[in-house]
């Protein structure tokens, strides 16, 4: 069974590390890359072609909310999960 390739996108290195640890504990997932903002996510996704993108909503340069439609159009079969740790 092929691994599900994951791209982690969050401006917090600590959050990316924690989420990476969760995925790496599961044998069916492979973290294929990380990005710090939406623009970097678009660039990396174009090269990596992940199966799943975990995308923070609030980031500098380009938010996850702004990057999501671009990623959806670019990679329509890729699953997107948007999240945030901010209240409200």
PDB file of N, CA and C in Angstrom:
ATOM      1  N   UNK A   1       0.841  -1.180   0.000  1.00  0.00           N
ATOM      2  CA  UNK A   1       0.000   0.000   0.000  1.00  0.00           C
ATOM      3  C   UNK A   1       0.889   1.246   0.000  1.00  0.00           C
ATOM      4  N   UNK A   2       0.663   2.181  -0.928  1.00  0.00           N
ATOM      5  CA  UNK A   2       1.504   3.389  -0.982  1.00  0.00           C
ATOM      6  C   UNK A   2       1.239   4.302   0.214  1.00  0.00           C
ATOM      7  N   UNK A   3       2.264   5.032   0.599  1.00  0.00           N
ATOM      8  CA  UNK A   3       2.156   5.972   1.705  1.00  0.00           C
ATOM      9  C   UNK A   3       1.389   7.218   1.272  1.00  0.00           C
ATOM     10  N   UNK A   4       0.668   7.811   2.204  1.00  0.00           N
ATOM     11  CA  UNK A   4       0.022   9.092   1.973  1.00  0.00           C
ATOM     12  C   UNK A   4       1.056  10.172   2.243  1.00  0.00           C
ATOM     13  N   UNK A   5       1.390  10.944   1.200  1.00  0.00           N
ATOM     14  CA  UNK A   5       2.400  12.002   1.316  1.00  0.00           C
ATOM     15  C   UNK A   5       1.747  13.282   1.831  1.00  0.00           C
ATOM     16  N   UNK A   6       2.346  13.860   2.876  1.00  0.00           N
ATOM     17  CA  UNK A   6       1.758  15.004   3.567  1.00  0.00           C
ATOM     18  C   UNK A   6       2.686  16.215   3.478  1.00  0.00           C
ATOM     19  N   UNK A   7       2.092  17.380   3.215  1.00  0.00           N
ATOM     20  CA  UNK A   7       2.797  18.655   3.279  1.00  0.00           C
ATOM     21  C   UNK A   7       2.242  19.416   4.478  1.00  0.00           C
ATOM     22  N   UNK A   8       3.114  19.790   5.418  1.00  0.00           N
ATOM     23  CA  UNK A   8       2.721  20.529   6.613  1.00  0.00           C
ATOM     24  C   UNK A   8       3.005  22.011   6.408  1.00  0.00           C
ATOM     25  N   UNK A   9       1.997  22.853   6.677  1.00  0.00           N
ATOM     26  CA  UNK A   9       2.153  24.290   6.462  1.00  0.00           C
ATOM     27  C   UNK A   9       1.717  25.046   7.712  1.00  0.00           C
ATOM     28  N   UNK A  10       2.677  25.672   8.372  1.00  0.00           N
ATOM     29  CA  UNK A  10       2.406  26.473   9.568  1.00  0.00           C
ATOM     30  C   UNK A  10       3.602  27.382   9.783  1.00  0.00           C
ATOM     31  N   UNK A  11       3.355  28.599  10.229  1.00  0.00           N
ATOM     32  CA  UNK A  11       4.463  29.519  10.480  1.00  0.00           C
ATOM     33  C   UNK A  11       5.207  29.188  11.769  1.00  0.00           C
ATOM     34  N   UNK A  12       4.671  28.314  12.588  1.00  0.00           N
ATOM     35  CA  UNK A  12       5.315  27.916  13.840  1.00  0.00           C
ATOM     36  C   UNK A  12       6.098  26.615  13.641  1.00  0.00           C
ATOM     37  N   UNK A  13       7.410  26.696  13.829  1.00  0.00           N
ATOM     38  CA  UNK A  13       8.245  25.499  13.706  1.00  0.00           C
ATOM     39  C   UNK A  13       7.879  24.468  14.778  1.00  0.00           C
ATOM     40  N   UNK A  14       7.476  24.940  15.937  1.00  0.00           N
ATOM     41  CA  UNK A  14       7.080  24.025  17.015  1.00  0.00           C
ATOM     42  C   UNK A  14       5.824  23.259  16.618  1.00  0.00           C
ATOM     43  N   UNK A  15       4.843  23.943  16.051  1.00  0.00           N
ATOM     44  CA  UNK A  15       3.602  23.281  15.633  1.00  0.00           C
ATOM     45  C   UNK A  15       3.891  22.280  14.515  1.00  0.00           C
ATOM     46  N   UNK A  16       4.724  22.671  13.552  1.00  0.00           N
ATOM     47  CA  UNK A  16       5.067  21.734  12.463  1.00  0.00           C
ATOM     48  C   UNK A  16       5.747  20.498  13.029  1.00  0.00           C
ATOM     49  N   UNK A  17       6.620  20.692  13.996  1.00  0.00           N
ATOM     50  CA  UNK A  17       7.319  19.567  14.617  1.00  0.00           C
ATOM     51  C   UNK A  17       6.344  18.629  15.334  1.00  0.00           C
ATOM     52  N   UNK A  18       5.388  19.186  16.052  1.00  0.00           N
ATOM     53  CA  UNK A  18       4.406  18.368  16.769  1.00  0.00           C
ATOM     54  C   UNK A  18       3.526  17.583  15.795  1.00  0.00           C
ATOM     55  N   UNK A  19       3.059  18.249  14.747  1.00  0.00           N
ATOM     56  CA  UNK A  19       2.212  17.567  13.763  1.00  0.00           C
ATOM     57  C   UNK A  19       3.022  16.518  13.004  1.00  0.00           C
ATOM     58  N   UNK A  20       4.266  16.842  12.689  1.00  0.00           N
ATOM     59  CA  UNK A  20       5.154  15.875  12.022  1.00  0.00           C
ATOM     60  C   UNK A  20       5.281  14.607  12.873  1.00  0.00           C
ATOM     61  N   UNK A  21       5.483  14.786  14.174  1.00  0.00           N
ATOM     62  CA  UNK A  21       5.621  13.640  15.075  1.00  0.00           C
ATOM     63  C   UNK A  21       4.378  12.759  15.044  1.00  0.00           C
ATOM     64  N   UNK A  22       3.210  13.388  15.011  1.00  0.00           N
ATOM     65  CA  UNK A  22       1.969  12.618  14.934  1.00  0.00           C
ATOM     66  C   UNK A  22       1.900  11.787  13.657  1.00  0.00           C
ATOM     67  N   UNK A  23       2.217  12.397  12.530  1.00  0.00           N
ATOM     68  CA  UNK A  23       2.163  11.662  11.264  1.00  0.00           C
ATOM     69  C   UNK A  23       3.234  10.590  11.181  1.00  0.00           C
ATOM     70  N   UNK A  24       4.421  10.887  11.694  1.00  0.00           N
ATOM     71  CA  UNK A  24       5.508   9.910  11.615  1.00  0.00           C
ATOM     72  C   UNK A  24       5.254   8.692  12.504  1.00  0.00           C
ATOM     73  N   UNK A  25       4.347   8.820  13.469  1.00  0.00           N
ATOM     74  CA  UNK A  25       4.002   7.670  14.311  1.00  0.00           C
ATOM     75  C   UNK A  25       3.027   6.719  13.619  1.00  0.00           C
ATOM     76  N   UNK A  26       2.523   7.133  12.464  1.00  0.00           N
ATOM     77  CA  UNK A  26       1.584   6.320  11.701  1.00  0.00           C
ATOM     78  C   UNK A  26       2.283   5.744  10.469  1.00  0.00           C
ATOM     79  N   UNK A  27       2.290   4.424  10.316  1.00  0.00           N
ATOM     80  CA  UNK A  27       3.055   3.815   9.227  1.00  0.00           C
ATOM     81  C   UNK A  27       2.534   4.116   7.815  1.00  0.00           C
ATOM     82  N   UNK A  28       1.310   4.593   7.681  1.00  0.00           N
ATOM     83  CA  UNK A  28       0.765   4.831   6.337  1.00  0.00           C
ATOM     84  C   UNK A  28       0.978   6.266   5.839  1.00  0.00           C
ATOM     85  N   UNK A  29       1.654   7.098   6.639  1.00  0.00           N
ATOM     86  CA  UNK A  29       1.897   8.490   6.253  1.00  0.00           C
ATOM     87  C   UNK A  29       3.382   8.782   6.135  1.00  0.00           C
ATOM     88  N   UNK A  30       3.703   9.713   5.228  1.00  0.00           N
ATOM     89  CA  UNK A  30       5.069  10.191   5.060  1.00  0.00           C
ATOM     90  C   UNK A  30       5.016  11.712   4.929  1.00  0.00           C
ATOM     91  N   UNK A  31       5.700  12.429   5.802  1.00  0.00           N
ATOM     92  CA  UNK A  31       5.771  13.887   5.683  1.00  0.00           C
ATOM     93  C   UNK A  31       6.806  14.181   4.604  1.00  0.00           C
ATOM     94  N   UNK A  32       6.321  14.647   3.460  1.00  0.00           N
ATOM     95  CA  UNK A  32       7.212  14.871   2.324  1.00  0.00           C
ATOM     96  C   UNK A  32       7.769  16.286   2.281  1.00  0.00           C
ATOM     97  N   UNK A  33       7.192  17.196   3.098  1.00  0.00           N
ATOM     98  CA  UNK A  33       7.711  18.554   3.110  1.00  0.00           C
ATOM     99  C   UNK A  33       7.013  19.425   4.122  1.00  0.00           C
ATOM    100  N   UNK A  34       7.608  20.600   4.346  1.00  0.00           N
ATOM    101  CA  UNK A  34       7.068  21.604   5.263  1.00  0.00           C
ATOM    102  C   UNK A  34       7.182  22.977   4.612  1.00  0.00           C
ATOM    103  N   UNK A  35       6.267  23.867   4.989  1.00  0.00           N
ATOM    104  CA  UNK A  35       6.306  25.244   4.508  1.00  0.00           C
ATOM    105  C   UNK A  35       5.903  26.167   5.658  1.00  0.00           C
ATOM    106  N   UNK A  36       6.383  27.426   5.607  1.00  0.00           N
ATOM    107  CA  UNK A  36       6.122  28.400   6.669  1.00  0.00           C
ATOM    108  C   UNK A  36       4.988  29.362   6.356  1.00  0.00           C
ATOM    109  N   UNK A  37       4.514  29.390   5.113  1.00  0.00           N
ATOM    110  CA  UNK A  37       3.426  30.294   4.744  1.00  0.00           C
ATOM    111  C   UNK A  37       2.746  29.775   3.480  1.00  0.00           C
ATOM    112  N   UNK A  38       1.641  30.411   3.121  1.00  0.00           N
ATOM    113  CA  UNK A  38       0.870  29.962   1.977  1.00  0.00           C
ATOM    114  C   UNK A  38       1.621  30.010   0.657  1.00  0.00           C
ATOM    115  N   UNK A  39       2.408  31.051   0.448  1.00  0.00           N
ATOM    116  CA  UNK A  39       3.171  31.161  -0.801  1.00  0.00           C
ATOM    117  C   UNK A  39       4.174  30.022  -0.925  1.00  0.00           C
ATOM    118  N   UNK A  40       4.875  29.747   0.159  1.00  0.00           N
ATOM    119  CA  UNK A  40       5.837  28.638   0.147  1.00  0.00           C
ATOM    120  C   UNK A  40       5.107  27.304  -0.038  1.00  0.00           C
ATOM    121  N   UNK A  41       3.903  27.183   0.528  1.00  0.00           N
ATOM    122  CA  UNK A  41       3.108  25.960   0.365  1.00  0.00           C
ATOM    123  C   UNK A  41       2.776  25.720  -1.106  1.00  0.00           C
ATOM    124  N   UNK A  42       2.403  26.775  -1.811  1.00  0.00           N
ATOM    125  CA  UNK A  42       2.072  26.651  -3.233  1.00  0.00           C
ATOM    126  C   UNK A  42       3.288  26.194  -4.017  1.00  0.00           C
ATOM    127  N   UNK A  43       4.430  26.798  -3.738  1.00  0.00           N
ATOM    128  CA  UNK A  43       5.665  26.431  -4.436  1.00  0.00           C
ATOM    129  C   UNK A  43       6.057  24.980  -4.159  1.00  0.00           C
ATOM    130  N   UNK A  44       6.005  24.580  -2.888  1.00  0.00           N
ATOM    131  CA  UNK A  44       6.400  23.215  -2.535  1.00  0.00           C
ATOM    132  C   UNK A  44       5.385  22.188  -3.037  1.00  0.00           C
ATOM    133  N   UNK A  45       4.111  22.518  -2.963  1.00  0.00           N
ATOM    134  CA  UNK A  45       3.078  21.588  -3.428  1.00  0.00           C
ATOM    135  C   UNK A  45       3.218  21.313  -4.927  1.00  0.00           C
ATOM    136  N   UNK A  46       3.596  22.325  -5.687  1.00  0.00           N
ATOM    137  CA  UNK A  46       3.780  22.148  -7.130  1.00  0.00           C
ATOM    138  C   UNK A  46       4.866  21.112  -7.415  1.00  0.00           C
ATOM    139  N   UNK A  47       5.909  21.090  -6.593  1.00  0.00           N
ATOM    140  CA  UNK A  47       7.009  20.146  -6.790  1.00  0.00           C
ATOM    141  C   UNK A  47       6.746  18.791  -6.147  1.00  0.00           C
ATOM    142  N   UNK A  48       6.184  18.793  -4.941  1.00  0.00           N
ATOM    143  CA  UNK A  48       6.028  17.563  -4.175  1.00  0.00           C
ATOM    144  C   UNK A  48       4.784  16.758  -4.539  1.00  0.00           C
ATOM    145  N   UNK A  49       3.743  17.429  -5.016  1.00  0.00           N
ATOM    146  CA  UNK A  49       2.468  16.775  -5.348  1.00  0.00           C
ATOM    147  C   UNK A  49       1.974  15.902  -4.188  1.00  0.00           C
ATOM    148  N   UNK A  50       1.756  16.499  -2.997  1.00  0.00           N
ATOM    149  CA  UNK A  50       1.327  15.709  -1.840  1.00  0.00           C
ATOM    150  C   UNK A  50      -0.107  15.199  -2.004  1.00  0.00           C
ATOM    151  N   UNK A  51      -0.433  14.180  -1.229  1.00  0.00           N
ATOM    152  CA  UNK A  51      -1.796  13.647  -1.208  1.00  0.00           C
ATOM    153  C   UNK A  51      -2.668  14.422  -0.229  1.00  0.00           C
ATOM    154  N   UNK A  52      -2.026  15.034   0.770  1.00  0.00           N
ATOM    155  CA  UNK A  52      -2.714  15.742   1.842  1.00  0.00           C
ATOM    156  C   UNK A  52      -1.891  16.969   2.231  1.00  0.00           C
ATOM    157  N   UNK A  53      -2.580  18.104   2.410  1.00  0.00           N
ATOM    158  CA  UNK A  53      -1.915  19.319   2.887  1.00  0.00           C
ATOM    159  C   UNK A  53      -2.616  19.759   4.163  1.00  0.00           C
ATOM    160  N   UNK A  54      -1.834  19.861   5.238  1.00  0.00           N
ATOM    161  CA  UNK A  54      -2.330  20.382   6.513  1.00  0.00           C
ATOM    162  C   UNK A  54      -1.919  21.852   6.538  1.00  0.00           C
ATOM    163  N   UNK A  55      -2.905  22.740   6.566  1.00  0.00           N
ATOM    164  CA  UNK A  55      -2.678  24.155   6.286  1.00  0.00           C
ATOM    165  C   UNK A  55      -3.211  25.037   7.407  1.00  0.00           C
ATOM    166  N   UNK A  56      -2.330  25.809   8.035  1.00  0.00           N
ATOM    167  CA  UNK A  56      -2.741  26.764   9.060  1.00  0.00           C
ATOM    168  C   UNK A  56      -3.487  27.919   8.401  1.00  0.00           C
ATOM    169  N   UNK A  57      -4.507  28.408   9.071  1.00  0.00           N
ATOM    170  CA  UNK A  57      -5.274  29.531   8.518  1.00  0.00           C
ATOM    171  C   UNK A  57      -4.534  30.855   8.577  1.00  0.00           C
ATOM    172  N   UNK A  58      -3.884  31.153   9.713  1.00  0.00           N
ATOM    173  CA  UNK A  58      -3.285  32.469   9.931  1.00  0.00           C
ATOM    174  C   UNK A  58      -1.763  32.389   9.872  1.00  0.00           C
ATOM    175  N   UNK A  59      -1.205  32.904   8.777  1.00  0.00           N
ATOM    176  CA  UNK A  59       0.253  32.928   8.596  1.00  0.00           C
ATOM    177  C   UNK A  59       0.644  34.230   7.914  1.00  0.00           C
ATOM    178  N   UNK A  60       1.893  34.666   8.110  1.00  0.00           N
ATOM    179  CA  UNK A  60       2.364  35.857   7.396  1.00  0.00           C
ATOM    180  C   UNK A  60       2.608  35.535   5.921  1.00  0.00           C
ATOM    181  N   UNK A  61       2.833  36.543   5.137  1.00  0.00           N
ATOM    182  CA  UNK A  61       3.102  36.493   3.694  1.00  0.00           C
ATOM    183  C   UNK A  61       1.835  36.123   2.937  1.00  0.00           C
ATOM    184  N   UNK A  62       1.294  34.928   3.167  1.00  0.00           N
ATOM    185  CA  UNK A  62       0.040  34.495   2.541  1.00  0.00           C
ATOM    186  C   UNK A  62      -0.642  33.536   3.503  1.00  0.00           C
ATOM    187  N   UNK A  63      -1.883  33.823   3.855  1.00  0.00           N
ATOM    188  CA  UNK A  63      -2.604  32.972   4.803  1.00  0.00           C
ATOM    189  C   UNK A  63      -3.003  31.649   4.150  1.00  0.00           C
ATOM    190  N   UNK A  64      -3.346  30.703   4.997  1.00  0.00           N
ATOM    191  CA  UNK A  64      -3.851  29.434   4.499  1.00  0.00           C
ATOM    192  C   UNK A  64      -5.172  29.604   3.776  1.00  0.00           C
ATOM    193  N   UNK A  65      -5.979  30.532   4.257  1.00  0.00           N
ATOM    194  CA  UNK A  65      -7.266  30.797   3.619  1.00  0.00           C
ATOM    195  C   UNK A  65      -7.082  31.330   2.196  1.00  0.00           C
ATOM    196  N   UNK A  66      -6.046  32.143   1.991  1.00  0.00           N
ATOM    197  CA  UNK A  66      -5.750  32.656   0.649  1.00  0.00           C
ATOM    198  C   UNK A  66      -5.092  31.596  -0.235  1.00  0.00           C
ATOM    199  N   UNK A  67      -4.291  30.742   0.361  1.00  0.00           N
ATOM    200  CA  UNK A  67      -3.584  29.714  -0.413  1.00  0.00           C
ATOM    201  C   UNK A  67      -4.490  28.556  -0.807  1.00  0.00           C
ATOM    202  N   UNK A  68      -5.504  28.258  -0.003  1.00  0.00           N
ATOM    203  CA  UNK A  68      -6.353  27.084  -0.246  1.00  0.00           C
ATOM    204  C   UNK A  68      -6.975  27.045  -1.638  1.00  0.00           C
ATOM    205  N   UNK A  69      -7.587  28.134  -2.138  1.00  0.00           N
ATOM    206  CA  UNK A  69      -8.184  28.053  -3.475  1.00  0.00           C
ATOM    207  C   UNK A  69      -7.145  27.838  -4.578  1.00  0.00           C
ATOM    208  N   UNK A  70      -5.962  28.392  -4.394  1.00  0.00           N
ATOM    209  CA  UNK A  70      -4.889  28.202  -5.377  1.00  0.00           C
ATOM    210  C   UNK A  70      -4.448  26.738  -5.372  1.00  0.00           C
ATOM    211  N   UNK A  71      -4.269  26.190  -4.177  1.00  0.00           N
ATOM    212  CA  UNK A  71      -3.869  24.788  -4.052  1.00  0.00           C
ATOM    213  C   UNK A  71      -4.957  23.865  -4.607  1.00  0.00           C
ATOM    214  N   UNK A  72      -6.205  24.169  -4.326  1.00  0.00           N
ATOM    215  CA  UNK A  72      -7.325  23.356  -4.810  1.00  0.00           C
ATOM    216  C   UNK A  72      -7.356  23.324  -6.341  1.00  0.00           C
ATOM    217  N   UNK A  73      -7.138  24.483  -6.959  1.00  0.00           N
ATOM    218  CA  UNK A  73      -7.143  24.556  -8.421  1.00  0.00           C
ATOM    219  C   UNK A  73      -5.922  23.841  -9.008  1.00  0.00           C
ATOM    220  N   UNK A  74      -4.781  23.987  -8.368  1.00  0.00           N
ATOM    221  CA  UNK A  74      -3.528  23.414  -8.848  1.00  0.00           C
ATOM    222  C   UNK A  74      -3.499  21.897  -8.683  1.00  0.00           C
ATOM    223  N   UNK A  75      -4.025  21.407  -7.543  1.00  0.00           N
ATOM    224  CA  UNK A  75      -3.995  19.977  -7.218  1.00  0.00           C
ATOM    225  C   UNK A  75      -5.391  19.541  -6.750  1.00  0.00           C
ATOM    226  N   UNK A  76      -6.334  19.410  -7.667  1.00  0.00           N
ATOM    227  CA  UNK A  76      -7.723  19.147  -7.272  1.00  0.00           C
ATOM    228  C   UNK A  76      -7.941  17.833  -6.524  1.00  0.00           C
ATOM    229  N   UNK A  77      -7.073  16.856  -6.699  1.00  0.00           N
ATOM    230  CA  UNK A  77      -7.240  15.566  -6.008  1.00  0.00           C
ATOM    231  C   UNK A  77      -6.608  15.562  -4.613  1.00  0.00           C
ATOM    232  N   UNK A  78      -5.836  16.590  -4.291  1.00  0.00           N
ATOM    233  CA  UNK A  78      -5.166  16.662  -2.991  1.00  0.00           C
ATOM    234  C   UNK A  78      -6.151  17.122  -1.921  1.00  0.00           C
ATOM    235  N   UNK A  79      -6.163  16.405  -0.807  1.00  0.00           N
ATOM    236  CA  UNK A  79      -7.019  16.781   0.320  1.00  0.00           C
ATOM    237  C   UNK A  79      -6.386  17.941   1.076  1.00  0.00           C
ATOM    238  N   UNK A  80      -7.221  18.896   1.489  1.00  0.00           N
ATOM    239  CA  UNK A  80      -6.766  20.035   2.287  1.00  0.00           C
ATOM    240  C   UNK A  80      -7.453  19.995   3.638  1.00  0.00           C
ATOM    241  N   UNK A  81      -6.672  20.152   4.685  1.00  0.00           N
ATOM    242  CA  UNK A  81      -7.225  20.324   6.028  1.00  0.00           C
ATOM    243  C   UNK A  81      -6.707  21.658   6.535  1.00  0.00           C
ATOM    244  N   UNK A  82      -7.627  22.584   6.799  1.00  0.00           N
ATOM    245  CA  UNK A  82      -7.269  23.890   7.338  1.00  0.00           C
ATOM    246  C   UNK A  82      -7.532  23.892   8.831  1.00  0.00           C
ATOM    247  N   UNK A  83      -6.619  24.483   9.594  1.00  0.00           N
ATOM    248  CA  UNK A  83      -6.776  24.521  11.042  1.00  0.00           C
ATOM    249  C   UNK A  83      -6.164  25.813  11.581  1.00  0.00           C
ATOM    250  N   UNK A  84      -6.493  26.078  12.831  1.00  0.00           N
ATOM    251  CA  UNK A  84      -5.883  27.194  13.536  1.00  0.00           C
ATOM    252  C   UNK A  84      -5.900  26.909  15.023  1.00  0.00           C
ATOM    253  N   UNK A  85      -4.992  27.501  15.752  1.00  0.00           N
ATOM    254  CA  UNK A  85      -4.983  27.364  17.202  1.00  0.00           C
ATOM    255  C   UNK A  85      -5.436  28.657  17.861  1.00  0.00           C
ATOM    256  N   UNK A  86      -5.880  29.635  17.061  1.00  0.00           N
ATOM    257  CA  UNK A  86      -6.341  30.914  17.591  1.00  0.00           C
ATOM    258  C   UNK A  86      -7.797  30.795  18.016  1.00  0.00           C
ATOM    259  N   UNK A  87      -8.141  31.468  19.097  1.00  0.00           N
ATOM    260  CA  UNK A  87      -9.524  31.496  19.542  1.00  0.00           C
ATOM    261  C   UNK A  87     -10.341  32.421  18.644  1.00  0.00           C
ATOM    262  N   UNK A  88     -11.629  32.097  18.560  1.00  0.00           N
ATOM    263  CA  UNK A  88     -12.515  32.973  17.827  1.00  0.00           C
ATOM    264  C   UNK A  88     -12.889  32.501  16.547  1.00  0.00           C
TER     265      UNK A  88
END
